[in-house]
Amino acid sequence: MKELIQGAYDLHVHSAPDVMPRKMDDLEMAQRIVASGMAGYALKSHYFCTAERAALSRKICPGCDSIGTITLNGSVGGINPMAVEMAARAGTKLLWFPTCDGAYEQAHTFTGDPNKKLPFWAGIVLAMKEEGINAPPISILDEDGQLTEATHKVLDIIAKYNMILTTGHISHEETFALVKAAAEEHNVKNIIITHVDFPTTYYTVEDQKKLADYGAYMEHCYTTYATKKVDYAITLEMIRAMGPEHVVVSTDLGQPTGLYPDEGMEAFATALYQDGFTAEQVRQMTVYNQRKLLGKD
């Protein structure tokens, strides 16, 4: 049901060029956005700022609003105010706190069953360690459990440029401290809690409601349930409990074996409609909330 994604933004897309293999590059994705009737997408990289790529993509394919992002992993210096300031000046609109280099994410990934399937990025971490390149896992809290000075500086920059703060793969303790400080101390207006039903970042409905009290939106990604990381019934239950006004639908797609992101957005939107949400409620989660976060309305 393409009408459900007309004017939509997917704020979580992994496109090439990238360190990891991707299904499509930025320009192919931009062309697909236009063909699908969507409005735009955010170019996510775990390793690099994508603002320059987004700017070139907008020039070549002006019908797609390509959005630059930065993720605060080791390759940009972790919680690095200088990198964030430069990214913002280059036009970056969306910032993720640490994902694959986060201390919490790495502890979860590299402990437990030694035979479990590891994410692709884990292979990169292990290969780099073998070569003597060992970036320390990143936490946004100091030894006393308080946000680091660098984190506070990053929050100031986010507020100054009216960027979207996205939590990444940090722990619950980190998330609650971050979101509280962002909203109450730094006047950050736009906050997304990253894939709230994902195994390593799983938030109960009670947790989500507490975070929503700070004005945060809960992100649900197509790939989380499509790859069986969570039962779709749980995703649906969470969305119903929070209400469309607090939810953004994304895909987290770009993996070579997955759907194209526009296909994933349509599939997710269609599933929500078939499970009882009205067309306008679905569009709130695919179009209106994203436009508000991006300052389009």
C-alpha atoms as a PDB file:
ATOM      1  CA  MET A   1       0.000   0.000   0.000  1.00  0.00           C
ATOM      2  CA  LYS A   2       2.252   2.750  -1.311  1.00  0.00           C
ATOM      3  CA  GLU A   3      -0.187   5.474  -0.272  1.00  0.00           C
ATOM      4  CA  LEU A   4       0.851   4.832   3.333  1.00  0.00           C
ATOM      5  CA  ILE A   5       4.427   5.942   2.625  1.00  0.00           C
ATOM      6  CA  GLN A   6       3.808   8.893   0.303  1.00  0.00           C
ATOM      7  CA  GLY A   7       5.986  11.676   1.689  1.00  0.00           C
ATOM      8  CA  ALA A   8       7.603   9.342   4.219  1.00  0.00           C
ATOM      9  CA  TYR A   9      11.109   9.538   5.649  1.00  0.00           C
ATOM     10  CA  ASP A  10      13.144   6.494   6.627  1.00  0.00           C
ATOM     11  CA  LEU A  11      15.532   7.799   9.274  1.00  0.00           C
ATOM     12  CA  HIS A  12      17.613   4.609   9.534  1.00  0.00           C
ATOM     13  CA  VAL A  13      19.133   3.370   6.257  1.00  0.00           C
ATOM     14  CA  HIS A  14      22.524   1.744   5.644  1.00  0.00           C
ATOM     15  CA  SER A  15      23.637   2.602   2.108  1.00  0.00           C
ATOM     16  CA  ALA A  16      26.983   2.383   0.307  1.00  0.00           C
ATOM     17  CA  PRO A  17      29.763   3.393   0.102  1.00  0.00           C
ATOM     18  CA  ASP A  18      30.461   1.753   3.442  1.00  0.00           C
ATOM     19  CA  VAL A  19      32.955  -0.472   5.208  1.00  0.00           C
ATOM     20  CA  MET A  20      30.346  -3.239   5.171  1.00  0.00           C
ATOM     21  CA  PRO A  21      28.685  -4.661   2.041  1.00  0.00           C
ATOM     22  CA  ARG A  22      25.409  -2.894   1.271  1.00  0.00           C
ATOM     23  CA  LYS A  23      22.478  -3.679  -1.005  1.00  0.00           C
ATOM     24  CA  MET A  24      22.467  -0.272  -2.717  1.00  0.00           C
ATOM     25  CA  ASP A  25      24.468   2.940  -2.873  1.00  0.00           C
ATOM     26  CA  ASP A  26      23.284   6.432  -1.984  1.00  0.00           C
ATOM     27  CA  LEU A  27      22.211   7.355  -5.489  1.00  0.00           C
ATOM     28  CA  GLU A  28      20.288   4.166  -6.162  1.00  0.00           C
ATOM     29  CA  MET A  29      18.539   4.661  -2.841  1.00  0.00           C
ATOM     30  CA  ALA A  30      17.689   8.267  -3.681  1.00  0.00           C
ATOM     31  CA  GLN A  31      16.217   7.160  -6.999  1.00  0.00           C
ATOM     32  CA  ARG A  32      14.138   4.521  -5.254  1.00  0.00           C
ATOM     33  CA  ILE A  33      12.892   7.102  -2.752  1.00  0.00           C
ATOM     34  CA  VAL A  34      11.644   9.271  -5.606  1.00  0.00           C
ATOM     35  CA  ALA A  35      10.081   6.334  -7.453  1.00  0.00           C
ATOM     36  CA  SER A  36       8.265   5.159  -4.322  1.00  0.00           C
ATOM     37  CA  GLY A  37       6.820   8.579  -3.540  1.00  0.00           C
ATOM     38  CA  MET A  38       8.725   8.875  -0.278  1.00  0.00           C
ATOM     39  CA  ALA A  39      10.333  12.186   0.681  1.00  0.00           C
ATOM     40  CA  GLY A  40      13.784  11.202   1.888  1.00  0.00           C
ATOM     41  CA  TYR A  41      16.029   9.062   4.028  1.00  0.00           C
ATOM     42  CA  ALA A  42      18.901   9.310   6.508  1.00  0.00           C
ATOM     43  CA  LEU A  43      22.241   7.839   5.418  1.00  0.00           C
ATOM     44  CA  LYS A  44      23.584   5.900   8.399  1.00  0.00           C
ATOM     45  CA  SER A  45      27.173   4.777   8.749  1.00  0.00           C
ATOM     46  CA  HIS A  46      28.604   3.234  11.896  1.00  0.00           C
ATOM     47  CA  TYR A  47      31.971   4.751  11.019  1.00  0.00           C
ATOM     48  CA  PHE A  48      31.768   8.060   9.144  1.00  0.00           C
ATOM     49  CA  CYS A  49      29.866  11.315   8.935  1.00  0.00           C
ATOM     50  CA  THR A  50      27.609  11.143   5.872  1.00  0.00           C
ATOM     51  CA  ALA A  51      26.768  14.843   5.474  1.00  0.00           C
ATOM     52  CA  GLU A  52      28.982  15.275   2.404  1.00  0.00           C
ATOM     53  CA  ARG A  53      27.523  12.190   0.749  1.00  0.00           C
ATOM     54  CA  ALA A  54      24.017  13.459   1.465  1.00  0.00           C
ATOM     55  CA  ALA A  55      24.791  16.869  -0.031  1.00  0.00           C
ATOM     56  CA  LEU A  56      26.058  15.319  -3.264  1.00  0.00           C
ATOM     57  CA  SER A  57      23.077  12.992  -3.389  1.00  0.00           C
ATOM     58  CA  ARG A  58      20.643  15.909  -3.034  1.00  0.00           C
ATOM     59  CA  LYS A  59      22.376  17.724  -5.887  1.00  0.00           C
ATOM     60  CA  ILE A  60      22.299  14.730  -8.221  1.00  0.00           C
ATOM     61  CA  CYS A  61      18.815  13.595  -7.175  1.00  0.00           C
ATOM     62  CA  PRO A  62      17.019  16.710  -5.879  1.00  0.00           C
ATOM     63  CA  GLY A  63      13.712  14.887  -5.554  1.00  0.00           C
ATOM     64  CA  CYS A  64      15.071  12.974  -2.561  1.00  0.00           C
ATOM     65  CA  ASP A  65      15.824  14.744   0.701  1.00  0.00           C
ATOM     66  CA  SER A  66      18.993  12.839   1.625  1.00  0.00           C
ATOM     67  CA  ILE A  67      19.908  13.474   5.261  1.00  0.00           C
ATOM     68  CA  GLY A  68      23.445  13.453   6.643  1.00  0.00           C
ATOM     69  CA  THR A  69      24.206  11.753   9.956  1.00  0.00           C
ATOM     70  CA  ILE A  70      27.046  10.911  12.319  1.00  0.00           C
ATOM     71  CA  THR A  71      27.473   8.013  14.743  1.00  0.00           C
ATOM     72  CA  LEU A  72      29.806   8.501  17.700  1.00  0.00           C
ATOM     73  CA  ASN A  73      31.891   5.353  17.386  1.00  0.00           C
ATOM     74  CA  GLY A  74      35.673   5.055  17.607  1.00  0.00           C
ATOM     75  CA  SER A  75      36.410   6.062  14.018  1.00  0.00           C
ATOM     76  CA  VAL A  76      35.188   9.618  14.704  1.00  0.00           C
ATOM     77  CA  GLY A  77      36.848   9.758  18.118  1.00  0.00           C
ATOM     78  CA  GLY A  78      33.893   8.508  20.135  1.00  0.00           C
ATOM     79  CA  ILE A  79      32.205  11.226  22.187  1.00  0.00           C
ATOM     80  CA  ASN A  80      34.080  13.907  20.273  1.00  0.00           C
ATOM     81  CA  PRO A  81      32.638  17.452  20.370  1.00  0.00           C
ATOM     82  CA  MET A  82      34.974  18.603  17.572  1.00  0.00           C
ATOM     83  CA  ALA A  83      33.715  15.882  15.233  1.00  0.00           C
ATOM     84  CA  VAL A  84      30.111  16.738  16.099  1.00  0.00           C
ATOM     85  CA  GLU A  85      30.649  20.471  15.555  1.00  0.00           C
ATOM     86  CA  MET A  86      32.256  19.886  12.150  1.00  0.00           C
ATOM     87  CA  ALA A  87      29.535  17.425  11.193  1.00  0.00           C
ATOM     88  CA  ALA A  88      26.869  19.948  12.152  1.00  0.00           C
ATOM     89  CA  ARG A  89      28.544  22.689  10.124  1.00  0.00           C
ATOM     90  CA  ALA A  90      28.584  20.313   7.156  1.00  0.00           C
ATOM     91  CA  GLY A  91      24.822  19.887   7.443  1.00  0.00           C
ATOM     92  CA  THR A  92      24.435  16.789   9.596  1.00  0.00           C
ATOM     93  CA  LYS A  93      20.904  16.567  10.950  1.00  0.00           C
ATOM     94  CA  LEU A  94      20.873  13.329  12.938  1.00  0.00           C
ATOM     95  CA  LEU A  95      23.345  11.985  15.499  1.00  0.00           C
ATOM     96  CA  TRP A  96      23.569   8.509  16.979  1.00  0.00           C
ATOM     97  CA  PHE A  97      25.362   7.921  20.229  1.00  0.00           C
ATOM     98  CA  PRO A  98      27.673   4.856  20.159  1.00  0.00           C
ATOM     99  CA  THR A  99      26.458   1.732  18.409  1.00  0.00           C
ATOM    100  CA  CYS A 100      28.966  -1.031  17.648  1.00  0.00           C
ATOM    101  CA  ASP A 101      31.755   0.570  19.703  1.00  0.00           C
ATOM    102  CA  GLY A 102      29.599   1.191  22.759  1.00  0.00           C
ATOM    103  CA  ALA A 103      30.815  -0.553  25.919  1.00  0.00           C
ATOM    104  CA  TYR A 104      27.353  -1.961  26.582  1.00  0.00           C
ATOM    105  CA  GLU A 105      26.873  -3.274  23.031  1.00  0.00           C
ATOM    106  CA  GLN A 106      30.307  -4.891  22.926  1.00  0.00           C
ATOM    107  CA  ALA A 107      29.838  -6.528  26.318  1.00  0.00           C
ATOM    108  CA  HIS A 108      26.539  -7.984  25.138  1.00  0.00           C
ATOM    109  CA  THR A 109      27.959  -9.124  21.794  1.00  0.00           C
ATOM    110  CA  PHE A 110      31.233 -10.681  22.897  1.00  0.00           C
ATOM    111  CA  THR A 111      29.999 -12.548  25.989  1.00  0.00           C
ATOM    112  CA  GLY A 112      27.727 -15.549  26.393  1.00  0.00           C
ATOM    113  CA  ASP A 113      27.472 -18.373  23.877  1.00  0.00           C
ATOM    114  CA  PRO A 114      30.825 -18.538  22.030  1.00  0.00           C
ATOM    115  CA  ASN A 115      29.097 -20.179  19.056  1.00  0.00           C
ATOM    116  CA  LYS A 116      26.399 -17.556  18.594  1.00  0.00           C
ATOM    117  CA  LYS A 117      26.170 -15.731  15.289  1.00  0.00           C
ATOM    118  CA  LEU A 118      27.925 -12.383  15.504  1.00  0.00           C
ATOM    119  CA  PRO A 119      26.872  -9.235  13.648  1.00  0.00           C
ATOM    120  CA  PHE A 120      29.041  -8.262  10.682  1.00  0.00           C
ATOM    121  CA  TRP A 121      30.594  -5.324  12.530  1.00  0.00           C
ATOM    122  CA  ALA A 122      31.916  -7.706  15.192  1.00  0.00           C
ATOM    123  CA  GLY A 123      34.161  -9.291  12.586  1.00  0.00           C
ATOM    124  CA  ILE A 124      35.618  -5.876  11.841  1.00  0.00           C
ATOM    125  CA  VAL A 125      36.326  -5.264  15.543  1.00  0.00           C
ATOM    126  CA  LEU A 126      38.059  -8.644  15.906  1.00  0.00           C
ATOM    127  CA  ALA A 127      40.086  -8.217  12.706  1.00  0.00           C
ATOM    128  CA  MET A 128      41.297  -4.793  13.792  1.00  0.00           C
ATOM    129  CA  LYS A 129      42.309  -6.139  17.196  1.00  0.00           C
ATOM    130  CA  GLU A 130      44.434  -8.770  15.448  1.00  0.00           C
ATOM    131  CA  GLU A 131      46.164  -5.923  13.603  1.00  0.00           C
ATOM    132  CA  GLY A 132      46.827  -4.082  16.852  1.00  0.00           C
ATOM    133  CA  ILE A 133      44.131  -1.456  16.311  1.00  0.00           C
ATOM    134  CA  ASN A 134      42.115  -1.641  19.479  1.00  0.00           C
ATOM    135  CA  ALA A 135      39.670   1.192  20.115  1.00  0.00           C
ATOM    136  CA  PRO A 136      38.473   1.117  23.735  1.00  0.00           C
ATOM    137  CA  PRO A 137      34.730   0.546  24.202  1.00  0.00           C
ATOM    138  CA  ILE A 138      32.875   3.815  24.682  1.00  0.00           C
ATOM    139  CA  SER A 139      30.707   4.813  27.621  1.00  0.00           C
ATOM    140  CA  ILE A 140      29.032   8.180  28.069  1.00  0.00           C
ATOM    141  CA  LEU A 141      29.199   7.841  31.859  1.00  0.00           C
ATOM    142  CA  ASP A 142      32.185   8.453  34.114  1.00  0.00           C
ATOM    143  CA  GLU A 143      33.274   6.273  37.034  1.00  0.00           C
ATOM    144  CA  ASP A 144      30.679   7.951  39.263  1.00  0.00           C
ATOM    145  CA  GLY A 145      27.843   7.149  36.874  1.00  0.00           C
ATOM    146  CA  GLN A 146      27.515  10.744  35.695  1.00  0.00           C
ATOM    147  CA  LEU A 147      27.501  11.934  32.095  1.00  0.00           C
ATOM    148  CA  THR A 148      31.001  12.835  30.957  1.00  0.00           C
ATOM    149  CA  GLU A 149      31.976  16.423  30.232  1.00  0.00           C
ATOM    150  CA  ALA A 150      32.385  15.550  26.556  1.00  0.00           C
ATOM    151  CA  THR A 151      28.826  14.213  26.462  1.00  0.00           C
ATOM    152  CA  HIS A 152      27.501  17.481  27.880  1.00  0.00           C
ATOM    153  CA  LYS A 153      29.451  19.396  25.219  1.00  0.00           C
ATOM    154  CA  VAL A 154      27.964  17.193  22.502  1.00  0.00           C
ATOM    155  CA  LEU A 155      24.475  17.871  23.861  1.00  0.00           C
ATOM    156  CA  ASP A 156      25.149  21.603  23.672  1.00  0.00           C
ATOM    157  CA  ILE A 157      26.093  21.257  20.003  1.00  0.00           C
ATOM    158  CA  ILE A 158      23.020  19.152  19.248  1.00  0.00           C
ATOM    159  CA  ALA A 159      20.829  21.852  20.774  1.00  0.00           C
ATOM    160  CA  LYS A 160      22.673  24.697  19.030  1.00  0.00           C
ATOM    161  CA  TYR A 161      22.102  23.192  15.584  1.00  0.00           C
ATOM    162  CA  ASN A 162      18.694  21.680  16.386  1.00  0.00           C
ATOM    163  CA  MET A 163      19.900  18.211  15.460  1.00  0.00           C
ATOM    164  CA  ILE A 164      18.067  14.979  16.224  1.00  0.00           C
ATOM    165  CA  LEU A 165      19.571  13.042  19.128  1.00  0.00           C
ATOM    166  CA  THR A 166      19.310   9.308  18.566  1.00  0.00           C
ATOM    167  CA  THR A 167      20.407   7.061  21.396  1.00  0.00           C
ATOM    168  CA  GLY A 168      22.211   4.261  19.544  1.00  0.00           C
ATOM    169  CA  HIS A 169      23.113   1.028  21.335  1.00  0.00           C
ATOM    170  CA  ILE A 170      23.925   2.409  24.779  1.00  0.00           C
ATOM    171  CA  SER A 171      22.724   0.895  28.058  1.00  0.00           C
ATOM    172  CA  HIS A 172      19.466   1.793  29.757  1.00  0.00           C
ATOM    173  CA  GLU A 173      21.357   3.577  32.520  1.00  0.00           C
ATOM    174  CA  GLU A 174      23.157   5.665  29.911  1.00  0.00           C
ATOM    175  CA  THR A 175      19.969   6.308  27.959  1.00  0.00           C
ATOM    176  CA  PHE A 176      17.965   7.608  30.896  1.00  0.00           C
ATOM    177  CA  ALA A 177      20.818   9.854  32.049  1.00  0.00           C
ATOM    178  CA  LEU A 178      21.344  11.133  28.504  1.00  0.00           C
ATOM    179  CA  VAL A 179      17.712  11.826  27.677  1.00  0.00           C
ATOM    180  CA  LYS A 180      17.036  13.500  31.018  1.00  0.00           C
ATOM    181  CA  ALA A 181      20.035  15.811  30.638  1.00  0.00           C
ATOM    182  CA  ALA A 182      19.276  16.510  26.986  1.00  0.00           C
ATOM    183  CA  ALA A 183      15.713  17.566  27.698  1.00  0.00           C
ATOM    184  CA  GLU A 184      16.109  19.274  31.070  1.00  0.00           C
ATOM    185  CA  GLU A 185      19.597  20.788  30.979  1.00  0.00           C
ATOM    186  CA  HIS A 186      20.443  21.322  27.313  1.00  0.00           C
ATOM    187  CA  ASN A 187      17.117  22.129  25.662  1.00  0.00           C
ATOM    188  CA  VAL A 188      17.438  19.369  23.057  1.00  0.00           C
ATOM    189  CA  LYS A 189      14.086  19.271  21.285  1.00  0.00           C
ATOM    190  CA  ASN A 190      14.331  16.204  19.047  1.00  0.00           C
ATOM    191  CA  ILE A 191      15.047  12.770  20.536  1.00  0.00           C
ATOM    192  CA  ILE A 192      14.628   9.237  19.167  1.00  0.00           C
ATOM    193  CA  ILE A 193      15.129   6.088  21.234  1.00  0.00           C
ATOM    194  CA  THR A 194      16.812   3.663  18.836  1.00  0.00           C
ATOM    195  CA  HIS A 195      14.914   0.458  17.912  1.00  0.00           C
ATOM    196  CA  VAL A 196      13.239  -0.043  21.272  1.00  0.00           C
ATOM    197  CA  ASP A 197      12.372  -3.688  20.582  1.00  0.00           C
ATOM    198  CA  PHE A 198      15.890  -4.749  19.496  1.00  0.00           C
ATOM    199  CA  PRO A 199      17.509  -7.366  21.783  1.00  0.00           C
ATOM    200  CA  THR A 200      20.384  -5.228  23.071  1.00  0.00           C
ATOM    201  CA  THR A 201      18.331  -2.037  23.362  1.00  0.00           C
ATOM    202  CA  TYR A 202      15.055  -3.551  24.548  1.00  0.00           C
ATOM    203  CA  TYR A 203      12.855  -1.156  26.521  1.00  0.00           C
ATOM    204  CA  THR A 204       9.672  -2.195  28.289  1.00  0.00           C
ATOM    205  CA  VAL A 205       6.539  -0.157  27.675  1.00  0.00           C
ATOM    206  CA  GLU A 206       6.992   1.316  31.149  1.00  0.00           C
ATOM    207  CA  ASP A 207      10.523   2.418  30.198  1.00  0.00           C
ATOM    208  CA  GLN A 208       9.260   3.861  26.935  1.00  0.00           C
ATOM    209  CA  LYS A 209       6.568   5.888  28.667  1.00  0.00           C
ATOM    210  CA  LYS A 210       9.146   7.388  31.018  1.00  0.00           C
ATOM    211  CA  LEU A 211      11.304   8.359  28.049  1.00  0.00           C
ATOM    212  CA  ALA A 212       8.308   9.740  26.166  1.00  0.00           C
ATOM    213  CA  ASP A 213       7.711  12.071  29.114  1.00  0.00           C
ATOM    214  CA  TYR A 214      10.893  13.847  27.988  1.00  0.00           C
ATOM    215  CA  GLY A 215       9.465  14.226  24.491  1.00  0.00           C
ATOM    216  CA  ALA A 216      11.313  11.265  22.989  1.00  0.00           C
ATOM    217  CA  TYR A 217       9.964   9.187  20.098  1.00  0.00           C
ATOM    218  CA  MET A 218      10.216   5.399  20.086  1.00  0.00           C
ATOM    219  CA  GLU A 219      11.767   3.927  16.942  1.00  0.00           C
ATOM    220  CA  HIS A 220      10.638   0.575  15.542  1.00  0.00           C
ATOM    221  CA  CYS A 221      12.595  -0.881  12.628  1.00  0.00           C
ATOM    222  CA  TYR A 222      11.366  -3.324  10.012  1.00  0.00           C
ATOM    223  CA  THR A 223      14.487  -5.500  10.219  1.00  0.00           C
ATOM    224  CA  THR A 224      14.107  -6.164  13.935  1.00  0.00           C
ATOM    225  CA  TYR A 225      10.998  -8.265  13.509  1.00  0.00           C
ATOM    226  CA  ALA A 226      11.676  -9.352   9.909  1.00  0.00           C
ATOM    227  CA  THR A 227      14.914 -11.060  10.985  1.00  0.00           C
ATOM    228  CA  LYS A 228      13.207 -12.663  14.012  1.00  0.00           C
ATOM    229  CA  LYS A 229      15.096 -10.623  16.598  1.00  0.00           C
ATOM    230  CA  VAL A 230      11.700  -9.894  18.126  1.00  0.00           C
ATOM    231  CA  ASP A 231       8.258 -11.359  17.603  1.00  0.00           C
ATOM    232  CA  TYR A 232       6.130  -9.014  15.504  1.00  0.00           C
ATOM    233  CA  ALA A 233       3.336  -9.377  18.074  1.00  0.00           C
ATOM    234  CA  ILE A 234       5.580  -7.696  20.648  1.00  0.00           C
ATOM    235  CA  THR A 235       6.382  -4.853  18.261  1.00  0.00           C
ATOM    236  CA  LEU A 236       2.679  -4.392  17.601  1.00  0.00           C
ATOM    237  CA  GLU A 237       1.848  -4.488  21.308  1.00  0.00           C
ATOM    238  CA  MET A 238       4.435  -1.812  22.058  1.00  0.00           C
ATOM    239  CA  ILE A 239       3.195   0.498  19.309  1.00  0.00           C
ATOM    240  CA  ARG A 240      -0.405   0.138  20.466  1.00  0.00           C
ATOM    241  CA  ALA A 241       0.588   0.835  24.065  1.00  0.00           C
ATOM    242  CA  MET A 242       2.527   3.990  23.180  1.00  0.00           C
ATOM    243  CA  GLY A 243       0.253   5.302  20.438  1.00  0.00           C
ATOM    244  CA  PRO A 244       1.263   6.562  16.969  1.00  0.00           C
ATOM    245  CA  GLU A 245       2.006  10.038  18.328  1.00  0.00           C
ATOM    246  CA  HIS A 246       5.092   8.633  20.093  1.00  0.00           C
ATOM    247  CA  VAL A 247       6.402   6.274  17.381  1.00  0.00           C
ATOM    248  CA  VAL A 248       8.618   6.560  14.312  1.00  0.00           C
ATOM    249  CA  VAL A 249       8.788   3.694  11.843  1.00  0.00           C
ATOM    250  CA  SER A 250      12.168   3.063  10.188  1.00  0.00           C
ATOM    251  CA  THR A 251      13.724   0.082   8.435  1.00  0.00           C
ATOM    252  CA  ASP A 252      17.424  -0.316   9.428  1.00  0.00           C
ATOM    253  CA  LEU A 253      17.790  -1.901   5.987  1.00  0.00           C
ATOM    254  CA  GLY A 254      20.651  -1.966   3.524  1.00  0.00           C
ATOM    255  CA  GLN A 255      21.925  -5.485   4.203  1.00  0.00           C
ATOM    256  CA  PRO A 256      22.678  -7.281   0.907  1.00  0.00           C
ATOM    257  CA  THR A 257      20.165 -10.068   1.569  1.00  0.00           C
ATOM    258  CA  GLY A 258      17.314  -7.857   2.779  1.00  0.00           C
ATOM    259  CA  LEU A 259      14.622  -5.820   1.096  1.00  0.00           C
ATOM    260  CA  TYR A 260      15.278  -2.355  -0.230  1.00  0.00           C
ATOM    261  CA  PRO A 261      14.392   0.231   2.434  1.00  0.00           C
ATOM    262  CA  ASP A 262      11.428   1.600   0.484  1.00  0.00           C
ATOM    263  CA  GLU A 263      10.088  -1.963   0.246  1.00  0.00           C
ATOM    264  CA  GLY A 264      10.598  -2.442   3.976  1.00  0.00           C
ATOM    265  CA  MET A 265       8.800   0.811   4.783  1.00  0.00           C
ATOM    266  CA  GLU A 266       5.852  -0.219   2.631  1.00  0.00           C
ATOM    267  CA  ALA A 267       5.774  -3.713   4.161  1.00  0.00           C
ATOM    268  CA  PHE A 268       5.854  -2.358   7.729  1.00  0.00           C
ATOM    269  CA  ALA A 269       3.245   0.317   7.012  1.00  0.00           C
ATOM    270  CA  THR A 270       0.967  -2.193   5.307  1.00  0.00           C
ATOM    271  CA  ALA A 271       1.263  -4.632   8.219  1.00  0.00           C
ATOM    272  CA  LEU A 272       0.306  -1.906  10.702  1.00  0.00           C
ATOM    273  CA  TYR A 273      -2.696  -0.934   8.593  1.00  0.00           C
ATOM    274  CA  GLN A 274      -3.826  -4.537   8.284  1.00  0.00           C
ATOM    275  CA  ASP A 275      -3.504  -4.923  12.057  1.00  0.00           C
ATOM    276  CA  GLY A 276      -5.957  -2.162  12.829  1.00  0.00           C
ATOM    277  CA  PHE A 277      -4.236   1.199  12.604  1.00  0.00           C
ATOM    278  CA  THR A 278      -5.969   3.748  10.395  1.00  0.00           C
ATOM    279  CA  ALA A 279      -4.193   5.132   7.347  1.00  0.00           C
ATOM    280  CA  GLU A 280      -3.706   8.454   9.151  1.00  0.00           C
ATOM    281  CA  GLN A 281      -2.257   6.715  12.200  1.00  0.00           C
ATOM    282  CA  VAL A 282       0.199   4.830  10.003  1.00  0.00           C
ATOM    283  CA  ARG A 283       1.150   8.028   8.206  1.00  0.00           C
ATOM    284  CA  GLN A 284       1.776   9.690  11.549  1.00  0.00           C
ATOM    285  CA  MET A 285       4.427   7.037  12.158  1.00  0.00           C
ATOM    286  CA  THR A 286       5.927   7.150   8.651  1.00  0.00           C
ATOM    287  CA  VAL A 287       5.498  10.802   7.663  1.00  0.00           C
ATOM    288  CA  TYR A 288       4.260  13.318  10.222  1.00  0.00           C
ATOM    289  CA  ASN A 289       6.450  12.504  13.214  1.00  0.00           C
ATOM    290  CA  GLN A 290       9.561  12.412  11.032  1.00  0.00           C
ATOM    291  CA  ARG A 291       8.688  15.763   9.462  1.00  0.00           C
ATOM    292  CA  LYS A 292       8.289  17.269  12.916  1.00  0.00           C
ATOM    293  CA  LEU A 293      11.658  15.916  14.044  1.00  0.00           C
ATOM    294  CA  LEU A 294      13.308  17.277  10.898  1.00  0.00           C
ATOM    295  CA  GLY A 295      11.728  20.702  11.305  1.00  0.00           C
ATOM    296  CA  LYS A 296       9.728  20.372   8.095  1.00  0.00           C
ATOM    297  CA  ASP A 297       6.448  21.378   9.778  1.00  0.00           C
END
